[in-house]
Amino acid sequence: MLPDLSRRSVIALGAGLGATALTNNAFARAPKLGTQSPYFYRFKLGDAEVTVVSDGQLPLGDPAGAFLGVPKDEVAKMLADNFMSPTNVVLEQNAPIVNFGDRLVLFDTGMGASKAFGPTTGRLTKSINEAGIKPEEIDAIVCSHAHIDHIGGIVDDGGTPLFPNAQVYLAQSDFDFWTDEGKLGSPLKDFVVHARKNLMPVRDRIKFFKDGEQFLPGITAIAAPGHTVGHTMFNVESAGKSFTFMGDLSHHSVLLLERPRMEFAYDTDPKQAAATRVKLLDTIAANKTAVMSYHFAWPGLGHVVKAGDGYRYIAEPMVMQL
């Protein structure tokens, strides 16, 4: 039981505590640290352990330059209504590493040394080290497609593989398209140069998968063309639990979900990409499949639900105990 306290004694007690706080205020000061926690997050998937690592934030800038077919004011309102900057779209780069017990599989590799989108990218190796994983322990790199921000970390600037023991998996149609020297004189030149830089040094390690193929135990390819000709999602499964790694099916958790038929400037075939997005998001939502998104807010794990003519992304809360 608490002792009976009069109103006067409570006020006096409060005044005394306030005076003590003021007296000790100088001792409570501390320097601002200016640091953040390591850029990795782990969760369980059946018998497997998934470690999501980051290549850093990727700013696209003004959304009007990338998200097309919807009035600029409407795009800005969609962002502002979701407490996002209406003038600078910032994407994450979430790369899951799945430890199946007998092998480590990394999905996509970030920008590497390229600073085409600014100085905040290119931290994948640092993130992997922060997570306590060594690059030489990676057995397989599974690429959703051959764009600059997904295959950029396969080799270093000198062409030496950054993951010396890893087999590389990619759709052949994407390999053929983005390593084609005939496109070096086209607007796609920078993408082709980057793809050739990262893929040609490991050409003898690349294996191609087909749509619907379980090309590694627990990993099944799901064709999702449009963003690129061979863009692919992956179903990742262990002991009856699964998620779908969506790659670039949707770059944005609001714009391309609420308005899934909106076009994205970096799509090879924007019309096909929009049709693919609607078809596959319908399936994901209907099946209540967990998703892992490369570009959604860190760490990119959640669910997609139907909402009117579009969809809504529900992030899964981070759980800090395994």
C-alpha atoms as a PDB file:
ATOM      1  CA  MET A   1       0.000   0.000   0.000  1.00  0.00           C
ATOM      2  CA  LEU A   2       1.207   3.505  -0.803  1.00  0.00           C
ATOM      3  CA  PRO A   3       1.178   5.944   2.106  1.00  0.00           C
ATOM      4  CA  ASP A   4      -1.545   8.585   2.163  1.00  0.00           C
ATOM      5  CA  LEU A   5      -0.277  11.806   0.617  1.00  0.00           C
ATOM      6  CA  SER A   6      -1.938  15.191   0.933  1.00  0.00           C
ATOM      7  CA  ARG A   7      -2.254  17.430  -2.133  1.00  0.00           C
ATOM      8  CA  ARG A   8       0.215  19.836  -0.540  1.00  0.00           C
ATOM      9  CA  SER A   9       2.824  17.103   0.029  1.00  0.00           C
ATOM     10  CA  VAL A  10       2.469  15.832  -3.558  1.00  0.00           C
ATOM     11  CA  ILE A  11       3.032  19.359  -4.892  1.00  0.00           C
ATOM     12  CA  ALA A  12       6.023  19.766  -2.609  1.00  0.00           C
ATOM     13  CA  LEU A  13       7.412  16.420  -3.715  1.00  0.00           C
ATOM     14  CA  GLY A  14       7.039  17.425  -7.387  1.00  0.00           C
ATOM     15  CA  ALA A  15       8.742  20.731  -6.772  1.00  0.00           C
ATOM     16  CA  GLY A  16      11.607  18.959  -5.048  1.00  0.00           C
ATOM     17  CA  LEU A  17      12.061  16.516  -7.905  1.00  0.00           C
ATOM     18  CA  GLY A  18      12.012  19.377 -10.392  1.00  0.00           C
ATOM     19  CA  ALA A  19      14.684  21.206  -8.460  1.00  0.00           C
ATOM     20  CA  THR A  20      16.825  18.070  -8.332  1.00  0.00           C
ATOM     21  CA  ALA A  21      16.452  17.584 -12.090  1.00  0.00           C
ATOM     22  CA  LEU A  22      17.480  21.152 -12.727  1.00  0.00           C
ATOM     23  CA  THR A  23      20.461  20.772 -10.405  1.00  0.00           C
ATOM     24  CA  ASN A  24      21.605  17.567 -12.131  1.00  0.00           C
ATOM     25  CA  ASN A  25      20.864  18.686 -15.693  1.00  0.00           C
ATOM     26  CA  ALA A  26      24.505  19.351 -16.471  1.00  0.00           C
ATOM     27  CA  PHE A  27      25.391  15.764 -15.596  1.00  0.00           C
ATOM     28  CA  ALA A  28      22.721  14.387 -17.976  1.00  0.00           C
ATOM     29  CA  ARG A  29      24.269  15.882 -21.094  1.00  0.00           C
ATOM     30  CA  ALA A  30      25.895  13.531 -23.604  1.00  0.00           C
ATOM     31  CA  PRO A  31      27.328  13.977 -27.077  1.00  0.00           C
ATOM     32  CA  LYS A  32      25.127  13.051 -30.030  1.00  0.00           C
ATOM     33  CA  LEU A  33      26.483   9.809 -31.447  1.00  0.00           C
ATOM     34  CA  GLY A  34      25.534  10.235 -35.102  1.00  0.00           C
ATOM     35  CA  THR A  35      25.601   6.483 -35.721  1.00  0.00           C
ATOM     36  CA  GLN A  36      22.993   3.889 -36.630  1.00  0.00           C
ATOM     37  CA  SER A  37      22.583   0.177 -36.003  1.00  0.00           C
ATOM     38  CA  PRO A  38      24.134  -2.292 -38.498  1.00  0.00           C
ATOM     39  CA  TYR A  39      22.190  -2.620 -41.746  1.00  0.00           C
ATOM     40  CA  PHE A  40      20.956  -6.214 -41.446  1.00  0.00           C
ATOM     41  CA  TYR A  41      17.860  -7.991 -40.148  1.00  0.00           C
ATOM     42  CA  ARG A  42      17.244 -11.693 -39.492  1.00  0.00           C
ATOM     43  CA  PHE A  43      14.113 -13.815 -39.392  1.00  0.00           C
ATOM     44  CA  LYS A  44      13.277 -17.521 -39.443  1.00  0.00           C
ATOM     45  CA  LEU A  45      11.728 -19.276 -42.426  1.00  0.00           C
ATOM     46  CA  GLY A  46      10.867 -22.842 -41.506  1.00  0.00           C
ATOM     47  CA  ASP A  47      14.223 -24.521 -40.918  1.00  0.00           C
ATOM     48  CA  ALA A  48      16.097 -21.734 -42.712  1.00  0.00           C
ATOM     49  CA  GLU A  49      17.454 -18.444 -41.438  1.00  0.00           C
ATOM     50  CA  VAL A  50      17.110 -15.332 -43.576  1.00  0.00           C
ATOM     51  CA  THR A  51      19.434 -12.350 -43.195  1.00  0.00           C
ATOM     52  CA  VAL A  52      18.358  -9.243 -45.084  1.00  0.00           C
ATOM     53  CA  VAL A  53      21.316  -6.994 -45.902  1.00  0.00           C
ATOM     54  CA  SER A  54      21.254  -3.569 -47.528  1.00  0.00           C
ATOM     55  CA  ASP A  55      23.162  -1.987 -50.375  1.00  0.00           C
ATOM     56  CA  GLY A  56      21.995   1.390 -49.061  1.00  0.00           C
ATOM     57  CA  GLN A  57      19.265   3.805 -50.069  1.00  0.00           C
ATOM     58  CA  LEU A  58      18.769   4.634 -53.741  1.00  0.00           C
ATOM     59  CA  PRO A  59      17.236   8.079 -54.382  1.00  0.00           C
ATOM     60  CA  LEU A  60      15.342   8.518 -57.647  1.00  0.00           C
ATOM     61  CA  GLY A  61      14.603  12.214 -57.111  1.00  0.00           C
ATOM     62  CA  ASP A  62      11.513  13.883 -58.591  1.00  0.00           C
ATOM     63  CA  PRO A  63       8.821  11.190 -59.012  1.00  0.00           C
ATOM     64  CA  ALA A  64       7.622  12.861 -62.224  1.00  0.00           C
ATOM     65  CA  GLY A  65      10.736  11.575 -63.969  1.00  0.00           C
ATOM     66  CA  ALA A  66      10.116   7.919 -63.141  1.00  0.00           C
ATOM     67  CA  PHE A  67       6.400   7.328 -62.516  1.00  0.00           C
ATOM     68  CA  LEU A  68       4.433   7.992 -65.671  1.00  0.00           C
ATOM     69  CA  GLY A  69       0.866   8.105 -66.916  1.00  0.00           C
ATOM     70  CA  VAL A  70      -0.620   9.765 -63.823  1.00  0.00           C
ATOM     71  CA  PRO A  71      -0.794  13.569 -63.324  1.00  0.00           C
ATOM     72  CA  LYS A  72       2.167  14.946 -61.392  1.00  0.00           C
ATOM     73  CA  ASP A  73      -0.071  16.561 -58.768  1.00  0.00           C
ATOM     74  CA  GLU A  74      -1.825  13.252 -58.133  1.00  0.00           C
ATOM     75  CA  VAL A  75       1.476  11.432 -57.653  1.00  0.00           C
ATOM     76  CA  ALA A  76       2.649  14.119 -55.222  1.00  0.00           C
ATOM     77  CA  LYS A  77      -0.602  13.826 -53.248  1.00  0.00           C
ATOM     78  CA  MET A  78      -0.322  10.041 -53.045  1.00  0.00           C
ATOM     79  CA  LEU A  79       3.154  10.419 -51.559  1.00  0.00           C
ATOM     80  CA  ALA A  80       2.236  13.244 -49.175  1.00  0.00           C
ATOM     81  CA  ASP A  81      -0.875  11.386 -47.980  1.00  0.00           C
ATOM     82  CA  ASN A  82       1.438   8.525 -46.982  1.00  0.00           C
ATOM     83  CA  PHE A  83       3.902  10.861 -45.218  1.00  0.00           C
ATOM     84  CA  MET A  84       6.522  10.466 -47.943  1.00  0.00           C
ATOM     85  CA  SER A  85       8.423  13.229 -49.681  1.00  0.00           C
ATOM     86  CA  PRO A  86       6.486  14.407 -52.750  1.00  0.00           C
ATOM     87  CA  THR A  87       9.680  15.667 -54.374  1.00  0.00           C
ATOM     88  CA  ASN A  88      12.218  12.884 -53.794  1.00  0.00           C
ATOM     89  CA  VAL A  89      11.422   9.193 -54.090  1.00  0.00           C
ATOM     90  CA  VAL A  90      13.926   7.146 -52.097  1.00  0.00           C
ATOM     91  CA  LEU A  91      14.085   3.377 -52.595  1.00  0.00           C
ATOM     92  CA  GLU A  92      15.783   0.788 -50.403  1.00  0.00           C
ATOM     93  CA  GLN A  93      17.885  -2.108 -51.686  1.00  0.00           C
ATOM     94  CA  ASN A  94      16.989  -5.140 -49.571  1.00  0.00           C
ATOM     95  CA  ALA A  95      18.965  -8.267 -50.453  1.00  0.00           C
ATOM     96  CA  PRO A  96      18.016 -11.443 -48.568  1.00  0.00           C
ATOM     97  CA  ILE A  97      20.620 -14.112 -47.816  1.00  0.00           C
ATOM     98  CA  VAL A  98      18.957 -17.447 -47.084  1.00  0.00           C
ATOM     99  CA  ASN A  99      20.864 -19.959 -44.985  1.00  0.00           C
ATOM    100  CA  PHE A 100      19.332 -23.351 -45.753  1.00  0.00           C
ATOM    101  CA  GLY A 101      21.820 -25.099 -43.471  1.00  0.00           C
ATOM    102  CA  ASP A 102      23.815 -26.649 -46.305  1.00  0.00           C
ATOM    103  CA  ARG A 103      24.157 -23.515 -48.467  1.00  0.00           C
ATOM    104  CA  LEU A 104      23.939 -19.726 -48.392  1.00  0.00           C
ATOM    105  CA  VAL A 105      21.984 -18.054 -51.203  1.00  0.00           C
ATOM    106  CA  LEU A 106      22.117 -14.294 -51.866  1.00  0.00           C
ATOM    107  CA  PHE A 107      19.399 -12.604 -53.924  1.00  0.00           C
ATOM    108  CA  ASP A 108      20.678  -9.630 -55.977  1.00  0.00           C
ATOM    109  CA  THR A 109      23.836  -7.642 -55.254  1.00  0.00           C
ATOM    110  CA  GLY A 110      23.156  -3.897 -55.409  1.00  0.00           C
ATOM    111  CA  MET A 111      25.007  -1.148 -57.251  1.00  0.00           C
ATOM    112  CA  GLY A 112      28.589  -2.128 -56.518  1.00  0.00           C
ATOM    113  CA  ALA A 113      31.068   0.685 -57.150  1.00  0.00           C
ATOM    114  CA  SER A 114      28.708   2.659 -59.391  1.00  0.00           C
ATOM    115  CA  LYS A 115      27.469   5.959 -57.966  1.00  0.00           C
ATOM    116  CA  ALA A 116      24.942   6.589 -60.733  1.00  0.00           C
ATOM    117  CA  PHE A 117      22.276   7.179 -58.068  1.00  0.00           C
ATOM    118  CA  GLY A 118      24.471   8.988 -55.568  1.00  0.00           C
ATOM    119  CA  PRO A 119      26.805   8.165 -52.681  1.00  0.00           C
ATOM    120  CA  THR A 120      24.426   6.174 -50.445  1.00  0.00           C
ATOM    121  CA  THR A 121      24.559   2.946 -52.486  1.00  0.00           C
ATOM    122  CA  GLY A 122      27.310   0.325 -52.656  1.00  0.00           C
ATOM    123  CA  ARG A 123      27.395  -0.819 -49.027  1.00  0.00           C
ATOM    124  CA  LEU A 124      26.378  -4.475 -49.618  1.00  0.00           C
ATOM    125  CA  THR A 125      29.765  -5.964 -48.689  1.00  0.00           C
ATOM    126  CA  LYS A 126      29.849  -3.813 -45.557  1.00  0.00           C
ATOM    127  CA  SER A 127      26.329  -4.940 -44.615  1.00  0.00           C
ATOM    128  CA  ILE A 128      27.261  -8.593 -45.150  1.00  0.00           C
ATOM    129  CA  ASN A 129      30.286  -8.176 -42.882  1.00  0.00           C
ATOM    130  CA  GLU A 130      28.133  -6.430 -40.267  1.00  0.00           C
ATOM    131  CA  ALA A 131      25.852  -9.476 -40.340  1.00  0.00           C
ATOM    132  CA  GLY A 132      28.772 -11.792 -39.551  1.00  0.00           C
ATOM    133  CA  ILE A 133      28.768 -13.439 -42.983  1.00  0.00           C
ATOM    134  CA  LYS A 134      31.872 -13.754 -45.137  1.00  0.00           C
ATOM    135  CA  PRO A 135      31.528 -13.189 -48.921  1.00  0.00           C
ATOM    136  CA  GLU A 136      33.392 -16.443 -49.577  1.00  0.00           C
ATOM    137  CA  GLU A 137      30.650 -18.328 -47.684  1.00  0.00           C
ATOM    138  CA  ILE A 138      28.019 -17.410 -50.300  1.00  0.00           C
ATOM    139  CA  ASP A 139      27.311 -20.472 -52.463  1.00  0.00           C
ATOM    140  CA  ALA A 140      24.856 -18.949 -54.936  1.00  0.00           C
ATOM    141  CA  ILE A 141      23.808 -15.521 -56.208  1.00  0.00           C
ATOM    142  CA  VAL A 142      20.276 -15.494 -57.607  1.00  0.00           C
ATOM    143  CA  CYS A 143      19.565 -12.455 -59.806  1.00  0.00           C
ATOM    144  CA  SER A 144      16.042 -11.213 -60.436  1.00  0.00           C
ATOM    145  CA  HIS A 145      17.306  -9.379 -63.540  1.00  0.00           C
ATOM    146  CA  ALA A 146      20.400  -7.719 -64.964  1.00  0.00           C
ATOM    147  CA  HIS A 147      19.757  -4.059 -64.155  1.00  0.00           C
ATOM    148  CA  ILE A 148      22.573  -1.975 -62.708  1.00  0.00           C
ATOM    149  CA  ASP A 149      21.231  -2.017 -59.105  1.00  0.00           C
ATOM    150  CA  HIS A 150      20.816  -5.802 -58.979  1.00  0.00           C
ATOM    151  CA  ILE A 151      23.998  -7.208 -60.542  1.00  0.00           C
ATOM    152  CA  GLY A 152      26.367  -4.347 -59.746  1.00  0.00           C
ATOM    153  CA  GLY A 153      28.053  -6.065 -56.823  1.00  0.00           C
ATOM    154  CA  ILE A 154      29.079  -9.338 -58.463  1.00  0.00           C
ATOM    155  CA  VAL A 155      32.646  -8.201 -59.227  1.00  0.00           C
ATOM    156  CA  ASP A 156      34.895  -5.372 -58.085  1.00  0.00           C
ATOM    157  CA  ASP A 157      36.227  -2.574 -60.307  1.00  0.00           C
ATOM    158  CA  GLY A 158      39.004  -4.847 -61.556  1.00  0.00           C
ATOM    159  CA  GLY A 159      36.624  -7.626 -62.568  1.00  0.00           C
ATOM    160  CA  THR A 160      37.494  -9.913 -59.626  1.00  0.00           C
ATOM    161  CA  PRO A 161      34.464 -11.793 -58.235  1.00  0.00           C
ATOM    162  CA  LEU A 162      33.425 -10.426 -54.847  1.00  0.00           C
ATOM    163  CA  PHE A 163      31.847 -13.795 -53.974  1.00  0.00           C
ATOM    164  CA  PRO A 164      34.612 -16.173 -55.097  1.00  0.00           C
ATOM    165  CA  ASN A 165      32.742 -19.429 -54.448  1.00  0.00           C
ATOM    166  CA  ALA A 166      29.303 -18.461 -55.747  1.00  0.00           C
ATOM    167  CA  GLN A 167      27.455 -19.834 -58.740  1.00  0.00           C
ATOM    168  CA  VAL A 168      25.352 -17.128 -60.450  1.00  0.00           C
ATOM    169  CA  TYR A 169      21.749 -17.749 -61.553  1.00  0.00           C
ATOM    170  CA  LEU A 170      19.920 -15.540 -64.083  1.00  0.00           C
ATOM    171  CA  ALA A 171      17.316 -15.795 -66.854  1.00  0.00           C
ATOM    172  CA  GLN A 172      19.077 -16.366 -70.178  1.00  0.00           C
ATOM    173  CA  SER A 173      16.862 -13.833 -71.943  1.00  0.00           C
ATOM    174  CA  ASP A 174      18.066 -11.128 -69.555  1.00  0.00           C
ATOM    175  CA  PHE A 175      21.695 -12.158 -69.938  1.00  0.00           C
ATOM    176  CA  ASP A 176      21.439 -12.070 -73.724  1.00  0.00           C
ATOM    177  CA  PHE A 177      19.624  -8.717 -73.772  1.00  0.00           C
ATOM    178  CA  TRP A 178      21.842  -6.771 -71.370  1.00  0.00           C
ATOM    179  CA  THR A 179      25.211  -8.092 -72.540  1.00  0.00           C
ATOM    180  CA  ASP A 180      24.453  -7.437 -76.221  1.00  0.00           C
ATOM    181  CA  GLU A 181      27.285  -5.256 -77.583  1.00  0.00           C
ATOM    182  CA  GLY A 182      24.954  -4.125 -80.341  1.00  0.00           C
ATOM    183  CA  LYS A 183      23.121  -1.981 -77.778  1.00  0.00           C
ATOM    184  CA  LEU A 184      26.233   0.008 -76.829  1.00  0.00           C
ATOM    185  CA  GLY A 185      25.222   2.701 -79.299  1.00  0.00           C
ATOM    186  CA  SER A 186      21.690   2.976 -77.894  1.00  0.00           C
ATOM    187  CA  PRO A 187      20.177   4.825 -74.903  1.00  0.00           C
ATOM    188  CA  LEU A 188      20.701   1.580 -72.967  1.00  0.00           C
ATOM    189  CA  LYS A 189      24.487   1.931 -73.200  1.00  0.00           C
ATOM    190  CA  ASP A 190      25.139   2.553 -69.473  1.00  0.00           C
ATOM    191  CA  PHE A 191      23.067  -0.463 -68.454  1.00  0.00           C
ATOM    192  CA  VAL A 192      24.818  -2.679 -71.010  1.00  0.00           C
ATOM    193  CA  VAL A 193      28.283  -1.508 -69.944  1.00  0.00           C
ATOM    194  CA  HIS A 194      27.452  -2.210 -66.315  1.00  0.00           C
ATOM    195  CA  ALA A 195      25.941  -5.628 -67.083  1.00  0.00           C
ATOM    196  CA  ARG A 196      28.928  -6.680 -69.182  1.00  0.00           C
ATOM    197  CA  LYS A 197      31.338  -5.492 -66.495  1.00  0.00           C
ATOM    198  CA  ASN A 198      29.672  -7.694 -63.866  1.00  0.00           C
ATOM    199  CA  LEU A 199      28.478 -10.692 -65.861  1.00  0.00           C
ATOM    200  CA  MET A 200      31.185 -11.390 -68.400  1.00  0.00           C
ATOM    201  CA  PRO A 201      33.954 -12.053 -65.824  1.00  0.00           C
ATOM    202  CA  VAL A 202      31.773 -14.789 -64.269  1.00  0.00           C
ATOM    203  CA  ARG A 203      30.273 -16.106 -67.505  1.00  0.00           C
ATOM    204  CA  ASP A 204      31.548 -19.615 -66.789  1.00  0.00           C
ATOM    205  CA  ARG A 205      29.736 -19.576 -63.424  1.00  0.00           C
ATOM    206  CA  ILE A 206      26.337 -18.477 -64.749  1.00  0.00           C
ATOM    207  CA  LYS A 207      23.512 -20.979 -64.882  1.00  0.00           C
ATOM    208  CA  PHE A 208      20.165 -20.221 -66.491  1.00  0.00           C
ATOM    209  CA  PHE A 209      16.784 -21.170 -65.032  1.00  0.00           C
ATOM    210  CA  LYS A 210      13.365 -21.558 -66.626  1.00  0.00           C
ATOM    211  CA  ASP A 211       9.960 -20.339 -65.498  1.00  0.00           C
ATOM    212  CA  GLY A 212       8.487 -22.697 -62.901  1.00  0.00           C
ATOM    213  CA  GLU A 213      11.762 -24.524 -62.371  1.00  0.00           C
ATOM    214  CA  GLN A 214      13.004 -25.355 -58.882  1.00  0.00           C
ATOM    215  CA  PHE A 215      16.596 -24.701 -59.929  1.00  0.00           C
ATOM    216  CA  LEU A 216      17.910 -24.914 -56.352  1.00  0.00           C
ATOM    217  CA  PRO A 217      16.304 -26.838 -53.485  1.00  0.00           C
ATOM    218  CA  GLY A 218      13.675 -24.529 -51.968  1.00  0.00           C
ATOM    219  CA  ILE A 219      13.908 -21.876 -54.741  1.00  0.00           C
ATOM    220  CA  THR A 220      11.480 -21.760 -57.675  1.00  0.00           C
ATOM    221  CA  ALA A 221      11.538 -19.255 -60.550  1.00  0.00           C
ATOM    222  CA  ILE A 222       8.388 -17.259 -61.397  1.00  0.00           C
ATOM    223  CA  ALA A 223       8.584 -15.345 -64.687  1.00  0.00           C
ATOM    224  CA  ALA A 224       7.573 -11.695 -64.288  1.00  0.00           C
ATOM    225  CA  PRO A 225       8.488 -10.026 -67.609  1.00  0.00           C
ATOM    226  CA  GLY A 226       8.080  -6.389 -68.534  1.00  0.00           C
ATOM    227  CA  HIS A 227      10.458  -4.585 -66.228  1.00  0.00           C
ATOM    228  CA  THR A 228      13.075  -6.477 -68.222  1.00  0.00           C
ATOM    229  CA  VAL A 229      12.591  -9.270 -70.736  1.00  0.00           C
ATOM    230  CA  GLY A 230      13.682 -11.911 -68.248  1.00  0.00           C
ATOM    231  CA  HIS A 231      12.692 -10.313 -64.954  1.00  0.00           C
ATOM    232  CA  THR A 232      11.943 -13.106 -62.479  1.00  0.00           C
ATOM    233  CA  MET A 233      10.483 -13.477 -58.989  1.00  0.00           C
ATOM    234  CA  PHE A 234      11.324 -16.409 -56.725  1.00  0.00           C
ATOM    235  CA  ASN A 235       9.370 -18.526 -54.300  1.00  0.00           C
ATOM    236  CA  VAL A 236      11.621 -19.338 -51.346  1.00  0.00           C
ATOM    237  CA  GLU A 237      10.482 -22.254 -49.162  1.00  0.00           C
ATOM    238  CA  SER A 238      11.687 -24.171 -46.121  1.00  0.00           C
ATOM    239  CA  ALA A 239       9.760 -26.687 -44.008  1.00  0.00           C
ATOM    240  CA  GLY A 240       6.374 -25.497 -45.274  1.00  0.00           C
ATOM    241  CA  LYS A 241       7.046 -21.775 -44.802  1.00  0.00           C
ATOM    242  CA  SER A 242       7.661 -19.495 -47.764  1.00  0.00           C
ATOM    243  CA  PHE A 243       7.892 -15.995 -49.145  1.00  0.00           C
ATOM    244  CA  THR A 244       8.081 -14.569 -52.645  1.00  0.00           C
ATOM    245  CA  PHE A 245      11.094 -12.407 -53.463  1.00  0.00           C
ATOM    246  CA  MET A 246       9.436  -9.900 -55.789  1.00  0.00           C
ATOM    247  CA  GLY A 247      12.542  -8.262 -57.224  1.00  0.00           C
ATOM    248  CA  ASP A 248      11.246  -5.235 -59.151  1.00  0.00           C
ATOM    249  CA  LEU A 249       7.648  -6.308 -59.658  1.00  0.00           C
ATOM    250  CA  SER A 250       6.836  -3.058 -57.858  1.00  0.00           C
ATOM    251  CA  HIS A 251       9.402  -0.395 -57.084  1.00  0.00           C
ATOM    252  CA  HIS A 252       7.178   1.527 -54.701  1.00  0.00           C
ATOM    253  CA  SER A 253       4.880   0.396 -51.897  1.00  0.00           C
ATOM    254  CA  VAL A 254       2.369   3.193 -52.579  1.00  0.00           C
ATOM    255  CA  LEU A 255       2.570   4.463 -56.156  1.00  0.00           C
ATOM    256  CA  LEU A 256       2.760   1.143 -57.999  1.00  0.00           C
ATOM    257  CA  LEU A 257       0.446  -0.657 -55.600  1.00  0.00           C
ATOM    258  CA  GLU A 258      -2.372   1.871 -55.293  1.00  0.00           C
ATOM    259  CA  ARG A 259      -2.092   2.522 -59.033  1.00  0.00           C
ATOM    260  CA  PRO A 260      -0.588  -0.731 -60.373  1.00  0.00           C
ATOM    261  CA  ARG A 261      -1.137   0.247 -64.021  1.00  0.00           C
ATOM    262  CA  MET A 262       1.022   3.331 -63.620  1.00  0.00           C
ATOM    263  CA  GLU A 263       4.096   3.058 -65.829  1.00  0.00           C
ATOM    264  CA  PHE A 264       7.678   3.154 -64.607  1.00  0.00           C
ATOM    265  CA  ALA A 265      10.352   4.830 -66.701  1.00  0.00           C
ATOM    266  CA  TYR A 266      12.957   2.102 -66.210  1.00  0.00           C
ATOM    267  CA  ASP A 267      10.692  -0.681 -67.524  1.00  0.00           C
ATOM    268  CA  THR A 268      11.812  -2.245 -70.820  1.00  0.00           C
ATOM    269  CA  ASP A 269       8.138  -2.740 -71.765  1.00  0.00           C
ATOM    270  CA  PRO A 270       5.966  -0.567 -69.459  1.00  0.00           C
ATOM    271  CA  LYS A 271       2.655  -1.977 -70.737  1.00  0.00           C
ATOM    272  CA  GLN A 272       3.765  -5.562 -70.200  1.00  0.00           C
ATOM    273  CA  ALA A 273       5.238  -4.674 -66.791  1.00  0.00           C
ATOM    274  CA  ALA A 274       1.918  -3.181 -65.638  1.00  0.00           C
ATOM    275  CA  ALA A 275      -0.044  -6.227 -66.849  1.00  0.00           C
ATOM    276  CA  THR A 276       2.423  -8.570 -65.139  1.00  0.00           C
ATOM    277  CA  ARG A 277       2.239  -6.532 -61.939  1.00  0.00           C
ATOM    278  CA  VAL A 278      -1.563  -6.761 -61.767  1.00  0.00           C
ATOM    279  CA  LYS A 279      -1.624 -10.463 -62.586  1.00  0.00           C
ATOM    280  CA  LEU A 280       0.996 -11.486 -60.048  1.00  0.00           C
ATOM    281  CA  LEU A 281      -0.142  -9.128 -57.281  1.00  0.00           C
ATOM    282  CA  ASP A 282      -3.653 -10.577 -57.676  1.00  0.00           C
ATOM    283  CA  THR A 283      -2.212 -14.045 -57.073  1.00  0.00           C
ATOM    284  CA  ILE A 284      -0.019 -12.939 -54.165  1.00  0.00           C
ATOM    285  CA  ALA A 285      -2.917 -11.146 -52.465  1.00  0.00           C
ATOM    286  CA  ALA A 286      -5.381 -13.996 -53.029  1.00  0.00           C
ATOM    287  CA  ASN A 287      -2.949 -16.566 -51.622  1.00  0.00           C
ATOM    288  CA  LYS A 288      -1.886 -14.295 -48.730  1.00  0.00           C
ATOM    289  CA  THR A 289       1.709 -14.995 -49.685  1.00  0.00           C
ATOM    290  CA  ALA A 290       4.392 -13.235 -47.680  1.00  0.00           C
ATOM    291  CA  VAL A 291       6.584 -11.031 -49.852  1.00  0.00           C
ATOM    292  CA  MET A 292      10.133  -9.747 -49.698  1.00  0.00           C
ATOM    293  CA  SER A 293      10.555  -6.591 -51.761  1.00  0.00           C
ATOM    294  CA  TYR A 294      13.909  -5.318 -52.965  1.00  0.00           C
ATOM    295  CA  HIS A 295      12.904  -1.645 -53.028  1.00  0.00           C
ATOM    296  CA  PHE A 296      10.260  -1.206 -50.289  1.00  0.00           C
ATOM    297  CA  ALA A 297      11.037   0.406 -46.922  1.00  0.00           C
ATOM    298  CA  TRP A 298      13.602  -1.508 -44.883  1.00  0.00           C
ATOM    299  CA  PRO A 299      13.660  -4.475 -44.451  1.00  0.00           C
ATOM    300  CA  GLY A 300      10.994  -5.078 -47.111  1.00  0.00           C
ATOM    301  CA  LEU A 301       9.093  -8.005 -45.572  1.00  0.00           C
ATOM    302  CA  GLY A 302       5.294  -8.000 -45.469  1.00  0.00           C
ATOM    303  CA  HIS A 303       2.061  -8.831 -47.283  1.00  0.00           C
ATOM    304  CA  VAL A 304       0.037  -7.374 -50.143  1.00  0.00           C
ATOM    305  CA  VAL A 305      -3.751  -7.101 -49.887  1.00  0.00           C
ATOM    306  CA  LYS A 306      -6.353  -6.039 -52.429  1.00  0.00           C
ATOM    307  CA  ALA A 307      -7.660  -2.493 -51.955  1.00  0.00           C
ATOM    308  CA  GLY A 308     -10.219  -1.251 -54.479  1.00  0.00           C
ATOM    309  CA  ASP A 309      -8.695  -1.234 -57.951  1.00  0.00           C
ATOM    310  CA  GLY A 310      -5.212  -1.550 -56.487  1.00  0.00           C
ATOM    311  CA  TYR A 311      -3.382  -3.019 -53.534  1.00  0.00           C
ATOM    312  CA  ARG A 312      -1.979  -2.094 -50.154  1.00  0.00           C
ATOM    313  CA  TYR A 313       1.308  -3.200 -48.612  1.00  0.00           C
ATOM    314  CA  ILE A 314       1.301  -4.211 -44.954  1.00  0.00           C
ATOM    315  CA  ALA A 315       4.796  -4.331 -43.502  1.00  0.00           C
ATOM    316  CA  GLU A 316       5.506  -7.194 -41.133  1.00  0.00           C
ATOM    317  CA  PRO A 317       6.700  -5.958 -37.727  1.00  0.00           C
ATOM    318  CA  MET A 318      10.371  -6.569 -37.075  1.00  0.00           C
ATOM    319  CA  VAL A 319      10.907  -9.265 -34.448  1.00  0.00           C
ATOM    320  CA  MET A 320      14.182  -8.875 -32.613  1.00  0.00           C
ATOM    321  CA  GLN A 321      14.327 -12.399 -31.191  1.00  0.00           C
ATOM    322  CA  LEU A 322      14.979 -15.443 -33.353  1.00  0.00           C
END
